[in-house]
Amino acid sequence: MNATKEQTSRTITIRLYHSDGSAARRERQLVRTLHVPCDSAKPLTAKRAAHVLARSLPQFSPASSACIIRTSDGWRATRSLQPTARCSFHYIWEEAVVTDNTGSNHE
């Protein structure tokens, strides 16, 4: 093992999107981007992504029933915000995508 193990401070990125949830044409709009410092060198897992998300955006805490799934974009959690203007049973969705910015090319 390397005695001078590199303690790299990395950044976790959280991107918040809003979409209308349409199955026919899914369009999402980037609302906000957060950059969260992370001192751990451990890989980003669903559990770690959920903790970072809950600390940065409490509305996505495990108590809110936010489920984290792996996607090609990163770890994703969604929640409904409000009904759409035209229909009370279609919702505006908020989606948080959590990615690790360590320079790896497996996004």
N, C-alpha and C. Protein backbone atom coordinates (compact mmCIF):
# COMPACT_ATOMS: atom_id res chain seq x y z
N MET A 1 0.82 -1.19 0.00
CA MET A 1 0.00 0.00 0.00
C MET A 1 0.86 1.25 0.00
N ASN A 2 0.37 2.27 -0.57
CA ASN A 2 1.09 3.52 -0.66
C ASN A 2 0.96 4.28 0.66
N ALA A 3 2.09 4.55 1.34
CA ALA A 3 2.07 5.23 2.63
C ALA A 3 1.63 6.68 2.51
N THR A 4 1.88 7.29 1.38
CA THR A 4 1.46 8.68 1.17
C THR A 4 0.21 8.71 0.33
N LYS A 5 -0.83 8.07 0.85
CA LYS A 5 -2.10 8.01 0.11
C LYS A 5 -2.65 9.41 -0.13
N GLU A 6 -2.99 9.65 -1.34
CA GLU A 6 -3.47 10.97 -1.77
C GLU A 6 -4.84 11.24 -1.15
N GLN A 7 -4.97 12.34 -0.42
CA GLN A 7 -6.24 12.75 0.16
C GLN A 7 -6.80 13.87 -0.70
N THR A 8 -7.45 13.49 -1.74
CA THR A 8 -7.96 14.44 -2.71
C THR A 8 -9.32 14.96 -2.27
N SER A 9 -9.47 16.26 -2.30
CA SER A 9 -10.77 16.85 -2.07
C SER A 9 -11.50 16.87 -3.41
N ARG A 10 -12.58 16.18 -3.49
CA ARG A 10 -13.31 16.12 -4.75
C ARG A 10 -14.64 16.85 -4.61
N THR A 11 -15.32 16.99 -5.70
CA THR A 11 -16.59 17.68 -5.72
C THR A 11 -17.67 16.75 -6.24
N ILE A 12 -18.79 16.75 -5.55
CA ILE A 12 -19.99 16.04 -6.00
C ILE A 12 -20.92 17.10 -6.60
N THR A 13 -21.44 16.82 -7.77
CA THR A 13 -22.35 17.76 -8.43
C THR A 13 -23.78 17.26 -8.35
N ILE A 14 -24.67 18.15 -7.97
CA ILE A 14 -26.11 17.85 -7.94
C ILE A 14 -26.77 18.79 -8.93
N ARG A 15 -27.45 18.20 -9.91
CA ARG A 15 -28.20 19.00 -10.89
C ARG A 15 -29.69 18.78 -10.65
N LEU A 16 -30.42 19.87 -10.52
CA LEU A 16 -31.87 19.81 -10.31
C LEU A 16 -32.58 20.16 -11.59
N TYR A 17 -33.49 19.28 -12.00
CA TYR A 17 -34.28 19.48 -13.21
C TYR A 17 -35.76 19.49 -12.85
N HIS A 18 -36.56 20.18 -13.66
CA HIS A 18 -38.02 20.10 -13.58
C HIS A 18 -38.52 19.55 -14.91
N SER A 19 -39.52 18.69 -14.85
CA SER A 19 -40.12 18.15 -16.07
C SER A 19 -41.61 17.96 -15.83
N ASP A 20 -42.34 17.83 -16.94
CA ASP A 20 -43.78 17.65 -16.83
C ASP A 20 -44.17 16.18 -16.69
N GLY A 21 -43.22 15.29 -16.73
CA GLY A 21 -43.49 13.87 -16.54
C GLY A 21 -44.16 13.20 -17.72
N SER A 22 -44.19 13.85 -18.86
CA SER A 22 -44.84 13.28 -20.03
C SER A 22 -44.09 12.05 -20.51
N ALA A 23 -44.81 10.97 -20.74
CA ALA A 23 -44.19 9.75 -21.25
C ALA A 23 -43.91 9.88 -22.74
N ALA A 24 -44.70 10.67 -23.43
CA ALA A 24 -44.56 10.80 -24.88
C ALA A 24 -43.31 11.63 -25.25
N ARG A 25 -43.12 12.73 -24.61
CA ARG A 25 -41.97 13.59 -24.91
C ARG A 25 -41.41 14.15 -23.60
N ARG A 26 -40.45 13.47 -23.09
CA ARG A 26 -39.87 13.86 -21.80
C ARG A 26 -38.88 15.00 -22.00
N GLU A 27 -39.27 16.17 -21.57
CA GLU A 27 -38.39 17.32 -21.64
C GLU A 27 -38.13 17.79 -20.21
N ARG A 28 -36.87 17.97 -19.90
CA ARG A 28 -36.56 18.47 -18.58
C ARG A 28 -35.73 19.74 -18.70
N GLN A 29 -35.92 20.62 -17.73
CA GLN A 29 -35.25 21.92 -17.73
C GLN A 29 -34.35 21.98 -16.51
N LEU A 30 -33.07 22.33 -16.73
CA LEU A 30 -32.12 22.49 -15.63
C LEU A 30 -32.51 23.72 -14.83
N VAL A 31 -32.73 23.53 -13.53
CA VAL A 31 -33.15 24.62 -12.66
C VAL A 31 -31.99 25.15 -11.83
N ARG A 32 -31.13 24.24 -11.36
CA ARG A 32 -30.07 24.64 -10.45
C ARG A 32 -28.96 23.60 -10.45
N THR A 33 -27.73 24.04 -10.24
CA THR A 33 -26.59 23.14 -10.11
C THR A 33 -25.86 23.47 -8.82
N LEU A 34 -25.62 22.44 -8.02
CA LEU A 34 -24.88 22.60 -6.77
C LEU A 34 -23.58 21.82 -6.85
N HIS A 35 -22.52 22.37 -6.28
CA HIS A 35 -21.23 21.68 -6.18
C HIS A 35 -20.94 21.51 -4.70
N VAL A 36 -20.90 20.25 -4.26
CA VAL A 36 -20.73 19.93 -2.85
C VAL A 36 -19.35 19.32 -2.63
N PRO A 37 -18.53 19.89 -1.74
CA PRO A 37 -17.22 19.30 -1.47
C PRO A 37 -17.36 17.97 -0.74
N CYS A 38 -16.47 17.06 -1.04
CA CYS A 38 -16.49 15.74 -0.42
C CYS A 38 -15.05 15.33 -0.14
N ASP A 39 -14.74 15.01 1.10
CA ASP A 39 -13.38 14.66 1.48
C ASP A 39 -13.10 13.17 1.40
N SER A 40 -14.12 12.37 1.24
CA SER A 40 -13.94 10.93 1.20
C SER A 40 -13.43 10.49 -0.17
N ALA A 41 -12.55 9.50 -0.16
CA ALA A 41 -12.03 8.95 -1.41
C ALA A 41 -12.83 7.74 -1.85
N LYS A 42 -13.84 7.37 -1.08
CA LYS A 42 -14.65 6.21 -1.41
C LYS A 42 -15.52 6.49 -2.62
N PRO A 43 -15.80 5.46 -3.42
CA PRO A 43 -16.65 5.67 -4.60
C PRO A 43 -18.07 6.07 -4.22
N LEU A 44 -18.71 6.78 -5.11
CA LEU A 44 -20.08 7.24 -4.88
C LEU A 44 -21.03 6.08 -5.09
N THR A 45 -21.73 5.71 -4.04
CA THR A 45 -22.72 4.64 -4.08
C THR A 45 -24.10 5.26 -3.88
N ALA A 46 -25.14 4.46 -3.99
CA ALA A 46 -26.50 4.97 -3.79
C ALA A 46 -26.65 5.54 -2.39
N LYS A 47 -26.10 4.85 -1.40
CA LYS A 47 -26.22 5.31 -0.02
C LYS A 47 -25.49 6.64 0.18
N ARG A 48 -24.28 6.76 -0.35
CA ARG A 48 -23.53 8.01 -0.22
C ARG A 48 -24.21 9.14 -1.00
N ALA A 49 -24.72 8.84 -2.18
CA ALA A 49 -25.43 9.85 -2.97
C ALA A 49 -26.66 10.33 -2.22
N ALA A 50 -27.38 9.41 -1.56
CA ALA A 50 -28.57 9.77 -0.79
C ALA A 50 -28.20 10.68 0.38
N HIS A 51 -27.07 10.40 1.05
CA HIS A 51 -26.63 11.24 2.17
C HIS A 51 -26.24 12.64 1.70
N VAL A 52 -25.50 12.73 0.60
CA VAL A 52 -25.10 14.04 0.06
C VAL A 52 -26.34 14.82 -0.35
N LEU A 53 -27.26 14.14 -0.99
CA LEU A 53 -28.50 14.78 -1.44
C LEU A 53 -29.33 15.27 -0.25
N ALA A 54 -29.46 14.45 0.77
CA ALA A 54 -30.26 14.83 1.94
C ALA A 54 -29.64 16.00 2.70
N ARG A 55 -28.30 16.04 2.77
CA ARG A 55 -27.63 17.16 3.44
C ARG A 55 -27.77 18.45 2.65
N SER A 56 -27.68 18.36 1.34
CA SER A 56 -27.71 19.56 0.49
C SER A 56 -29.12 20.03 0.18
N LEU A 57 -30.03 19.08 -0.01
CA LEU A 57 -31.43 19.38 -0.34
C LEU A 57 -32.33 18.53 0.55
N PRO A 58 -32.72 19.03 1.71
CA PRO A 58 -33.49 18.23 2.67
C PRO A 58 -34.82 17.69 2.11
N GLN A 59 -35.37 18.33 1.09
CA GLN A 59 -36.61 17.83 0.51
C GLN A 59 -36.42 16.46 -0.14
N PHE A 60 -35.18 16.03 -0.37
CA PHE A 60 -34.88 14.71 -0.91
C PHE A 60 -34.37 13.75 0.15
N SER A 61 -34.69 14.02 1.42
CA SER A 61 -34.22 13.16 2.51
C SER A 61 -34.93 11.81 2.43
N PRO A 62 -34.33 10.77 3.04
CA PRO A 62 -34.98 9.44 3.02
C PRO A 62 -36.38 9.47 3.62
N ALA A 63 -36.64 10.38 4.55
CA ALA A 63 -37.97 10.49 5.15
C ALA A 63 -39.02 10.93 4.13
N SER A 64 -38.59 11.57 3.06
CA SER A 64 -39.52 12.03 2.03
C SER A 64 -39.81 10.94 0.99
N SER A 65 -39.32 9.74 1.23
CA SER A 65 -39.51 8.59 0.34
C SER A 65 -38.79 8.75 -1.00
N ALA A 66 -37.75 9.56 -1.03
CA ALA A 66 -36.97 9.71 -2.26
C ALA A 66 -36.15 8.45 -2.48
N CYS A 67 -36.32 7.85 -3.61
CA CYS A 67 -35.61 6.62 -3.96
C CYS A 67 -34.50 6.97 -4.93
N ILE A 68 -33.32 6.44 -4.69
CA ILE A 68 -32.16 6.72 -5.56
C ILE A 68 -31.97 5.54 -6.51
N ILE A 69 -31.87 5.85 -7.80
CA ILE A 69 -31.60 4.81 -8.79
C ILE A 69 -30.40 5.22 -9.63
N ARG A 70 -29.70 4.23 -10.15
CA ARG A 70 -28.54 4.51 -11.00
C ARG A 70 -29.02 4.69 -12.44
N THR A 71 -28.53 5.74 -13.09
CA THR A 71 -28.86 6.00 -14.48
C THR A 71 -27.55 6.27 -15.22
N SER A 72 -27.62 6.45 -16.50
CA SER A 72 -26.42 6.77 -17.27
C SER A 72 -25.90 8.17 -16.93
N ASP A 73 -26.76 9.03 -16.37
CA ASP A 73 -26.36 10.39 -15.98
C ASP A 73 -25.72 10.44 -14.60
N GLY A 74 -25.99 9.45 -13.75
CA GLY A 74 -25.53 9.43 -12.37
C GLY A 74 -26.61 8.85 -11.49
N TRP A 75 -26.55 9.13 -10.19
CA TRP A 75 -27.58 8.66 -9.26
C TRP A 75 -28.74 9.65 -9.29
N ARG A 76 -29.97 9.14 -9.43
CA ARG A 76 -31.13 10.02 -9.63
C ARG A 76 -32.21 9.77 -8.58
N ALA A 77 -32.79 10.86 -8.09
CA ALA A 77 -33.94 10.82 -7.20
C ALA A 77 -34.98 11.77 -7.76
N THR A 78 -36.24 11.39 -7.69
CA THR A 78 -37.31 12.26 -8.18
C THR A 78 -38.38 12.44 -7.11
N ARG A 79 -39.09 13.54 -7.21
CA ARG A 79 -40.24 13.78 -6.34
C ARG A 79 -41.23 14.66 -7.09
N SER A 80 -42.50 14.55 -6.75
CA SER A 80 -43.51 15.37 -7.41
C SER A 80 -43.58 16.71 -6.69
N LEU A 81 -43.75 17.77 -7.49
CA LEU A 81 -43.82 19.12 -6.92
C LEU A 81 -45.25 19.61 -6.78
N GLN A 82 -45.97 19.62 -7.91
CA GLN A 82 -47.33 20.16 -7.93
C GLN A 82 -48.04 19.66 -9.17
N PRO A 83 -49.37 19.67 -9.15
CA PRO A 83 -50.11 19.30 -10.37
C PRO A 83 -49.85 20.31 -11.48
N THR A 84 -49.93 19.85 -12.71
CA THR A 84 -49.77 20.76 -13.85
C THR A 84 -50.98 21.68 -13.92
N ALA A 85 -50.83 22.76 -14.67
CA ALA A 85 -51.90 23.76 -14.77
C ALA A 85 -53.14 23.21 -15.45
N ARG A 86 -52.96 22.30 -16.40
CA ARG A 86 -54.10 21.83 -17.20
C ARG A 86 -54.77 20.57 -16.65
N CYS A 87 -54.07 19.85 -15.76
CA CYS A 87 -54.60 18.56 -15.34
C CYS A 87 -54.18 18.26 -13.91
N SER A 88 -55.13 17.96 -13.04
CA SER A 88 -54.82 17.77 -11.63
C SER A 88 -54.16 16.43 -11.32
N PHE A 89 -54.14 15.48 -12.26
CA PHE A 89 -53.48 14.20 -11.97
C PHE A 89 -52.17 14.02 -12.73
N HIS A 90 -51.71 15.04 -13.45
CA HIS A 90 -50.37 15.06 -14.01
C HIS A 90 -49.55 16.05 -13.18
N TYR A 91 -48.33 15.69 -12.87
CA TYR A 91 -47.52 16.49 -11.96
C TYR A 91 -46.26 17.04 -12.61
N ILE A 92 -45.81 18.16 -12.07
CA ILE A 92 -44.48 18.68 -12.36
C ILE A 92 -43.54 17.88 -11.46
N TRP A 93 -42.49 17.34 -12.03
CA TRP A 93 -41.54 16.52 -11.29
C TRP A 93 -40.23 17.25 -11.11
N GLU A 94 -39.63 17.07 -9.95
CA GLU A 94 -38.29 17.59 -9.68
C GLU A 94 -37.36 16.38 -9.62
N GLU A 95 -36.29 16.47 -10.37
CA GLU A 95 -35.33 15.37 -10.48
C GLU A 95 -33.96 15.89 -10.07
N ALA A 96 -33.31 15.15 -9.16
CA ALA A 96 -31.95 15.49 -8.74
C ALA A 96 -31.02 14.41 -9.27
N VAL A 97 -29.97 14.82 -9.97
CA VAL A 97 -28.98 13.88 -10.50
C VAL A 97 -27.65 14.17 -9.79
N VAL A 98 -27.12 13.15 -9.12
CA VAL A 98 -25.90 13.28 -8.34
C VAL A 98 -24.76 12.60 -9.08
N THR A 99 -23.67 13.34 -9.35
CA THR A 99 -22.51 12.78 -10.04
C THR A 99 -21.24 13.11 -9.28
N ASP A 100 -20.26 12.24 -9.46
CA ASP A 100 -18.95 12.40 -8.83
C ASP A 100 -17.99 13.00 -9.85
N ASN A 101 -17.29 14.04 -9.47
CA ASN A 101 -16.38 14.71 -10.40
C ASN A 101 -14.93 14.39 -10.10
N THR A 102 -14.59 13.11 -10.07
CA THR A 102 -13.21 12.74 -9.77
C THR A 102 -12.38 12.61 -11.04
N GLY A 103 -13.00 12.86 -12.18
CA GLY A 103 -12.26 12.75 -13.43
C GLY A 103 -12.41 11.39 -14.07
N SER A 104 -13.27 10.53 -13.49
CA SER A 104 -13.47 9.21 -14.09
C SER A 104 -14.34 9.33 -15.31
N ASN A 105 -14.18 8.42 -16.23
CA ASN A 105 -14.90 8.49 -17.50
C ASN A 105 -16.03 7.48 -17.60
N HIS A 106 -16.63 7.10 -16.46
CA HIS A 106 -17.71 6.12 -16.51
C HIS A 106 -19.05 6.74 -16.21
N GLU A 107 -19.34 7.89 -16.81
CA GLU A 107 -20.63 8.55 -16.59
C GLU A 107 -21.66 8.03 -17.56
